[in-house]
Amino acid sequence: MKILLVQTSFPGDIVLSTPVIAGIKKKYPESQLWVLTTKIGAEILSADPFLKGIIVYDKRNSDRGLLAFYRKIIEIKSHDFQIVFSLHKSFRSSLLLWLSQIPNRVGFKKAKFSFLYQDKMDRPIGEHDVIRNMSILGLASQFSESDFDLRLCIPKNIDSASILEKFGISKPYAVLAPGSVWKTKMWNWKKYQELGNLLKNKLDLSVVVLGSKDDFKVSQKVCENTSLINVVGRTNILEFLVIIKEAKVLICNDSMPLHVASSFKTPAVAIFCATSPSFGFGPWRNKAIVIEREGLSCKPCSAHGANKCPTGTELCMTDVSAESALRGVMRVCDL
């Protein structure tokens, strides 16, 4: 039996979907499991031994437009999948899978164009996103506690020490991840810089600033006139994962690095600005603490954050002190 899992959301959402991969293999142990995901999702999942193959759907670039959509339908049809589980709730995903003529299509009841799925599953409100994702497979009673663990895989032949040496990183070290797709999710860069100096001077930790190429500008600000190690935009996905895995602690926003830390059980301090962990995207099963500015009537202002503070005050982004984050670090690191 050939099964397709669809998850084409943001990188953090893809990390939070990884328990479903193991869940499908547990439910259908003899199946060949493939994943339809984004270009970066393919890099994140490339070492997963449960996957037979990955189909890249670069929907914002090379696979954009009607002609590319048609080509993707032909590609999916060529695999003769018997079952598809779609974690993505867009009308485009629903239509793509229906037109691909996969006989058994499973999606969420609240997905757009959900009438195109044969089996429609409830996505429980108020639960962590890991549990919401796993609900695509049916009753939770068929799974054990360990089946809900995040599971990022690094090839066994990878030498973590060599990767750290490549970037001049020495243990013990802390990782700062100051970036985000959404500006209002980002703790103020001056606070990150202040915290970085506190980690070096008070806890004697090396400090690494990590992120994608899109985070280059904010990382430059954070690292200006400091001795912090800036590797933003210089790592591939595998190196990115290893640096978080080997860290003593991660300090980040509500973003993908937080979920990577949860996967590797790296202690984490998560600073939630415009959003809230009650949305289901907080730390998961690692030693972690959430710090946020409480008591703001405007917070949370949206489900995913925005590029501009609706009140113009940016209090959720600036009113959390570096000292409170340092106390959080000391707490999760038992210092």
Protein backbone atom coordinates (compact mmCIF):
# COMPACT_ATOMS: atom_id res chain seq x y z
CA MET A 1 0.00 0.00 0.00
CA LYS A 2 1.25 3.46 -0.91
CA ILE A 3 0.25 6.34 1.37
CA LEU A 4 0.75 10.08 0.93
CA LEU A 5 0.95 12.59 3.79
CA VAL A 6 0.44 16.25 2.85
CA GLN A 7 1.90 19.12 4.86
CA THR A 8 2.83 22.25 2.93
CA SER A 9 2.64 24.85 5.70
CA PHE A 10 5.44 26.83 7.35
CA PRO A 11 8.61 25.01 8.50
CA GLY A 12 7.54 25.06 12.15
CA ASP A 13 4.24 23.42 11.25
CA ILE A 14 6.14 20.72 9.37
CA VAL A 15 8.23 19.96 12.46
CA LEU A 16 5.05 19.73 14.54
CA SER A 17 3.67 17.24 12.01
CA THR A 18 6.47 14.69 12.41
CA PRO A 19 4.62 12.45 14.92
CA VAL A 20 2.06 11.76 12.19
CA ILE A 21 4.79 10.10 10.10
CA ALA A 22 5.46 7.56 12.84
CA GLY A 23 1.73 7.28 13.52
CA ILE A 24 0.99 6.28 9.93
CA LYS A 25 3.77 3.69 9.98
CA LYS A 26 2.39 2.27 13.22
CA LYS A 27 -1.14 2.09 11.82
CA TYR A 28 0.01 0.76 8.42
CA PRO A 29 3.37 -0.94 9.13
CA GLU A 30 3.72 -2.51 5.67
CA SER A 31 2.96 0.68 3.77
CA GLN A 32 5.22 2.80 1.61
CA LEU A 33 4.90 6.31 3.01
CA TRP A 34 5.55 9.43 0.95
CA VAL A 35 5.22 13.09 1.91
CA LEU A 36 4.10 16.03 -0.20
CA THR A 37 5.73 19.10 1.30
CA THR A 38 7.56 22.35 0.55
CA LYS A 39 11.15 22.69 -0.59
CA ILE A 40 12.36 23.45 2.92
CA GLY A 41 10.07 20.74 4.30
CA ALA A 42 11.85 18.23 2.08
CA GLU A 43 15.18 19.29 3.58
CA ILE A 44 13.82 19.00 7.13
CA LEU A 45 12.44 15.49 6.52
CA SER A 46 15.12 14.16 4.18
CA ALA A 47 16.76 11.84 6.75
CA ASP A 48 13.54 10.28 8.09
CA PRO A 49 13.90 6.48 7.71
CA PHE A 50 10.11 6.00 7.72
CA LEU A 51 9.74 7.84 4.42
CA LYS A 52 9.98 6.05 1.11
CA GLY A 53 10.09 9.32 -0.79
CA ILE A 54 9.28 13.03 -0.81
CA ILE A 55 7.36 15.03 -3.44
CA VAL A 56 8.31 18.70 -3.39
CA TYR A 57 5.50 21.20 -3.94
CA ASP A 58 7.21 24.58 -4.28
CA LYS A 59 3.87 26.37 -4.48
CA ARG A 60 5.24 29.90 -4.05
CA ASN A 61 7.98 29.60 -6.67
CA SER A 62 8.62 26.90 -9.29
CA ASP A 63 5.19 25.24 -8.81
CA ARG A 64 3.23 28.48 -8.88
CA GLY A 65 0.40 28.92 -11.37
CA LEU A 66 -2.22 26.77 -13.11
CA LEU A 67 0.17 24.94 -15.44
CA ALA A 68 2.42 23.93 -12.54
CA PHE A 69 -0.68 22.89 -10.58
CA TYR A 70 -1.69 20.60 -13.46
CA ARG A 71 1.84 19.13 -13.63
CA LYS A 72 1.72 18.38 -9.91
CA ILE A 73 -1.59 16.55 -10.36
CA ILE A 74 0.01 14.37 -13.05
CA GLU A 75 3.03 13.70 -10.83
CA ILE A 76 0.88 12.64 -7.86
CA LYS A 77 -1.34 10.45 -10.05
CA SER A 78 1.72 8.64 -11.41
CA HIS A 79 2.46 7.22 -7.95
CA ASP A 80 -0.91 5.42 -7.60
CA PHE A 81 -1.37 6.26 -3.92
CA GLN A 82 -4.21 4.39 -2.21
CA ILE A 83 -4.62 6.71 0.78
CA VAL A 84 -3.78 10.36 1.43
CA PHE A 85 -3.83 12.15 4.78
CA SER A 86 -3.88 15.94 4.41
CA LEU A 87 -2.83 18.09 7.34
CA HIS A 88 -3.04 21.18 5.17
CA LYS A 89 -6.45 22.82 5.22
CA SER A 90 -6.38 25.04 2.12
CA PHE A 91 -8.81 24.69 -0.79
CA ARG A 92 -5.80 24.23 -3.08
CA SER A 93 -4.71 21.09 -1.23
CA SER A 94 -8.25 19.72 -1.20
CA LEU A 95 -8.66 20.33 -4.92
CA LEU A 96 -5.19 18.99 -5.78
CA LEU A 97 -5.82 15.68 -4.03
CA TRP A 98 -9.31 15.25 -5.47
CA LEU A 99 -8.06 15.87 -9.00
CA SER A 100 -5.19 13.43 -8.36
CA GLN A 101 -7.89 10.74 -7.96
CA ILE A 102 -6.46 9.14 -4.82
CA PRO A 103 -9.20 6.66 -3.82
CA ASN A 104 -9.21 7.28 -0.06
CA ARG A 105 -8.76 10.93 0.90
CA VAL A 106 -8.65 11.92 4.59
CA GLY A 107 -8.74 15.56 5.69
CA PHE A 108 -10.09 17.79 8.43
CA LYS A 109 -13.74 18.81 8.68
CA LYS A 110 -12.72 22.47 8.86
CA ALA A 111 -10.55 22.30 5.76
CA LYS A 112 -11.70 24.45 2.87
CA PHE A 113 -13.49 22.35 0.24
CA SER A 114 -13.66 19.56 2.84
CA PHE A 115 -16.51 18.00 0.83
CA LEU A 116 -13.78 16.68 -1.50
CA TYR A 117 -12.54 14.30 1.23
CA GLN A 118 -14.22 10.96 1.89
CA ASP A 119 -13.17 10.87 5.55
CA LYS A 120 -13.33 14.11 7.50
CA MET A 121 -11.72 14.19 10.94
CA ASP A 122 -12.34 16.54 13.86
CA ARG A 123 -9.41 18.79 14.75
CA PRO A 124 -9.76 19.27 18.53
CA ILE A 125 -9.95 22.85 19.77
CA GLY A 126 -7.71 23.96 22.62
CA GLU A 127 -5.09 21.22 22.22
CA HIS A 128 -1.43 21.49 21.29
CA ASP A 129 -0.85 21.34 17.54
CA VAL A 130 0.86 17.96 17.89
CA ILE A 131 -2.38 16.46 19.19
CA ARG A 132 -4.44 18.29 16.58
CA ASN A 133 -2.23 16.88 13.82
CA MET A 134 -2.37 13.33 15.21
CA SER A 135 -6.18 13.50 15.21
CA ILE A 136 -6.04 12.99 11.42
CA LEU A 137 -5.34 9.31 12.20
CA GLY A 138 -8.43 8.75 14.33
CA LEU A 139 -8.75 7.66 17.94
CA ALA A 140 -5.80 8.60 20.14
CA SER A 141 -6.30 5.40 22.17
CA GLN A 142 -4.47 3.39 19.50
CA PHE A 143 -1.26 5.32 20.21
CA SER A 144 1.07 5.42 23.23
CA GLU A 145 2.52 8.54 24.85
CA SER A 146 5.80 8.16 22.99
CA ASP A 147 3.96 8.20 19.65
CA PHE A 148 3.27 11.90 20.23
CA ASP A 149 6.95 12.86 20.43
CA LEU A 150 8.39 15.15 17.78
CA ARG A 151 10.95 13.32 15.69
CA LEU A 152 13.53 15.12 13.61
CA CYS A 153 16.18 12.77 12.21
CA ILE A 154 19.87 13.44 11.66
CA PRO A 155 21.87 10.90 9.62
CA LYS A 156 24.09 8.67 11.77
CA ASN A 157 27.18 9.51 9.74
CA ILE A 158 26.97 13.20 10.60
CA ASP A 159 29.75 14.41 12.89
CA SER A 160 28.20 17.09 15.08
CA ALA A 161 31.57 18.12 16.49
CA SER A 162 32.86 18.91 13.00
CA ILE A 163 29.83 21.10 12.30
CA LEU A 164 30.39 23.08 15.50
CA GLU A 165 34.07 23.42 14.71
CA LYS A 166 33.24 24.67 11.20
CA PHE A 167 31.43 27.67 12.70
CA GLY A 168 33.85 28.24 15.59
CA ILE A 169 31.35 27.13 18.21
CA SER A 170 32.58 25.69 21.49
CA LYS A 171 30.50 24.07 24.22
CA PRO A 172 28.72 24.99 26.37
CA TYR A 173 26.82 27.49 24.30
CA ALA A 174 23.42 29.15 24.09
CA VAL A 175 21.53 29.81 20.87
CA LEU A 176 19.62 33.01 20.18
CA ALA A 177 17.08 32.85 17.33
CA PRO A 178 15.79 36.43 17.00
CA GLY A 179 13.95 36.10 13.69
CA SER A 180 10.41 35.35 12.59
CA VAL A 181 8.30 35.57 9.45
CA TRP A 182 6.08 38.03 11.33
CA LYS A 183 7.54 41.21 12.83
CA THR A 184 5.16 41.30 15.80
CA LYS A 185 6.38 37.85 16.88
CA MET A 186 9.91 39.20 17.30
CA TRP A 187 11.23 40.19 20.71
CA ASN A 188 13.09 43.48 20.34
CA TRP A 189 16.61 43.02 18.95
CA LYS A 190 18.12 45.22 21.68
CA LYS A 191 16.79 42.77 24.27
CA TYR A 192 18.39 39.86 22.43
CA GLN A 193 21.68 41.72 22.33
CA GLU A 194 21.45 42.51 26.04
CA LEU A 195 20.61 38.91 26.85
CA GLY A 196 23.51 37.65 24.74
CA ASN A 197 25.93 39.77 26.75
CA LEU A 198 24.37 38.59 30.02
CA LEU A 199 24.74 34.94 28.99
CA LYS A 200 28.42 35.47 28.23
CA ASN A 201 29.31 37.60 31.22
CA LYS A 202 27.17 36.04 33.95
CA LEU A 203 26.85 32.41 32.86
CA ASP A 204 30.13 32.10 30.91
CA LEU A 205 28.35 30.67 27.87
CA SER A 206 29.34 31.09 24.25
CA VAL A 207 26.42 32.61 22.36
CA VAL A 208 25.42 31.67 18.82
CA VAL A 209 22.91 33.70 16.80
CA LEU A 210 21.02 31.41 14.42
CA GLY A 211 18.46 31.87 11.67
CA SER A 212 17.71 31.84 7.96
CA LYS A 213 18.85 34.32 5.32
CA ASP A 214 15.64 36.25 5.93
CA ASP A 215 16.86 36.97 9.48
CA PHE A 216 20.12 38.56 8.34
CA LYS A 217 19.21 42.18 9.12
CA VAL A 218 18.00 41.53 12.66
CA SER A 219 21.00 39.31 13.39
CA GLN A 220 23.36 42.07 12.29
CA LYS A 221 21.73 44.41 14.80
CA VAL A 222 21.87 41.82 17.59
CA CYS A 223 25.56 41.08 16.98
CA GLU A 224 26.77 44.63 16.41
CA ASN A 225 29.68 45.53 18.74
CA THR A 226 29.50 42.16 20.51
CA SER A 227 31.48 38.91 20.48
CA LEU A 228 28.39 36.82 19.68
CA ILE A 229 28.87 34.18 16.97
CA ASN A 230 26.62 35.06 14.04
CA VAL A 231 25.86 32.08 11.77
CA VAL A 232 22.57 33.43 10.41
CA GLY A 233 22.13 32.50 6.76
CA ARG A 234 25.36 30.49 6.71
CA THR A 235 24.02 27.06 7.66
CA ASN A 236 22.14 24.44 5.71
CA ILE A 237 19.13 22.78 7.34
CA LEU A 238 21.18 19.89 8.74
CA GLU A 239 23.71 22.24 10.34
CA PHE A 240 20.84 24.36 11.67
CA LEU A 241 19.34 21.31 13.39
CA VAL A 242 22.67 20.13 14.84
CA ILE A 243 23.45 23.55 16.34
CA ILE A 244 20.13 23.56 18.23
CA LYS A 245 20.44 19.88 19.18
CA GLU A 246 23.87 20.36 20.78
CA ALA A 247 23.06 23.66 22.55
CA LYS A 248 22.75 24.01 26.29
CA VAL A 249 19.72 26.24 25.82
CA LEU A 250 17.75 28.00 23.07
CA ILE A 251 16.14 31.43 23.44
CA CYS A 252 13.72 32.26 20.64
CA ASN A 253 10.41 33.71 19.56
CA ASP A 254 7.25 31.81 18.68
CA SER A 255 8.91 30.25 15.63
CA MET A 256 10.39 27.12 14.08
CA PRO A 257 13.53 26.89 16.30
CA LEU A 258 11.28 26.40 19.33
CA HIS A 259 9.81 23.24 17.79
CA VAL A 260 13.26 21.99 16.77
CA ALA A 261 14.35 22.35 20.40
CA SER A 262 11.28 20.40 21.51
CA SER A 263 12.18 17.62 19.08
CA PHE A 264 15.72 17.28 20.43
CA LYS A 265 14.73 17.93 24.08
CA THR A 266 16.95 21.01 24.15
CA PRO A 267 15.99 23.33 27.04
CA ALA A 268 14.27 26.44 25.72
CA VAL A 269 13.07 29.88 26.72
CA ALA A 270 10.30 31.02 24.38
CA ILE A 271 9.33 34.68 24.27
CA PHE A 272 5.78 35.06 22.98
CA CYS A 273 5.05 38.58 21.79
CA ALA A 274 1.91 39.13 19.68
CA THR A 275 0.76 35.51 19.87
CA SER A 276 -0.01 33.14 22.72
CA PRO A 277 0.98 29.55 23.58
CA SER A 278 -2.72 28.90 24.10
CA PHE A 279 -2.98 28.71 20.31
CA GLY A 280 -1.24 25.34 20.54
CA PHE A 281 2.26 26.19 19.34
CA GLY A 282 4.16 26.34 22.62
CA PRO A 283 7.02 24.07 23.78
CA TRP A 284 6.36 20.33 23.63
CA ARG A 285 7.84 17.84 26.09
CA ASN A 286 11.20 19.52 26.58
CA LYS A 287 12.32 21.51 29.60
CA ALA A 288 11.06 24.93 28.62
CA ILE A 289 9.51 28.13 29.87
CA VAL A 290 7.34 30.71 28.13
CA ILE A 291 7.86 34.39 28.92
CA GLU A 292 5.39 37.02 27.76
CA ARG A 293 4.09 40.45 28.65
CA GLU A 294 0.86 39.75 30.47
CA GLY A 295 -2.09 42.05 31.05
CA LEU A 296 -2.27 43.58 27.58
CA SER A 297 -5.84 43.88 26.31
CA CYS A 298 -4.59 43.76 22.72
CA LYS A 299 -2.65 40.50 23.17
CA PRO A 300 -2.91 38.19 21.33
CA CYS A 301 -3.72 40.40 18.36
CA SER A 302 -3.92 37.63 15.75
CA ALA A 303 -3.40 33.92 15.28
CA HIS A 304 -0.09 34.25 13.41
CA GLY A 305 1.18 37.71 14.27
CA ALA A 306 1.41 40.62 11.85
CA ASN A 307 3.98 42.91 10.29
CA LYS A 308 2.83 45.94 12.25
CA CYS A 309 1.63 46.45 15.81
CA PRO A 310 -2.08 47.40 15.60
CA THR A 311 -1.76 49.80 18.56
CA GLY A 312 1.61 51.24 17.58
CA THR A 313 3.01 50.61 21.07
CA GLU A 314 4.86 47.30 20.46
CA LEU A 315 4.64 46.65 24.20
CA CYS A 316 4.47 42.88 23.78
CA MET A 317 7.75 43.07 21.82
CA THR A 318 9.66 45.48 24.06
CA ASP A 319 8.28 45.13 27.59
CA VAL A 320 9.90 41.77 28.41
CA SER A 321 13.28 42.38 30.02
CA ALA A 322 16.54 40.61 29.23
CA GLU A 323 16.88 39.90 32.96
CA SER A 324 13.60 37.96 33.00
CA ALA A 325 14.80 35.91 30.03
CA LEU A 326 18.09 35.27 31.85
CA ARG A 327 16.16 34.00 34.87
CA GLY A 328 14.27 31.71 32.52
CA VAL A 329 17.56 30.35 31.16
CA MET A 330 18.85 29.69 34.66
CA ARG A 331 15.63 27.90 35.53
CA VAL A 332 15.53 25.52 32.54
CA CYS A 333 19.29 24.87 32.83
CA ASP A 334 19.14 24.30 36.62
CA LEU A 335 21.71 27.04 37.24
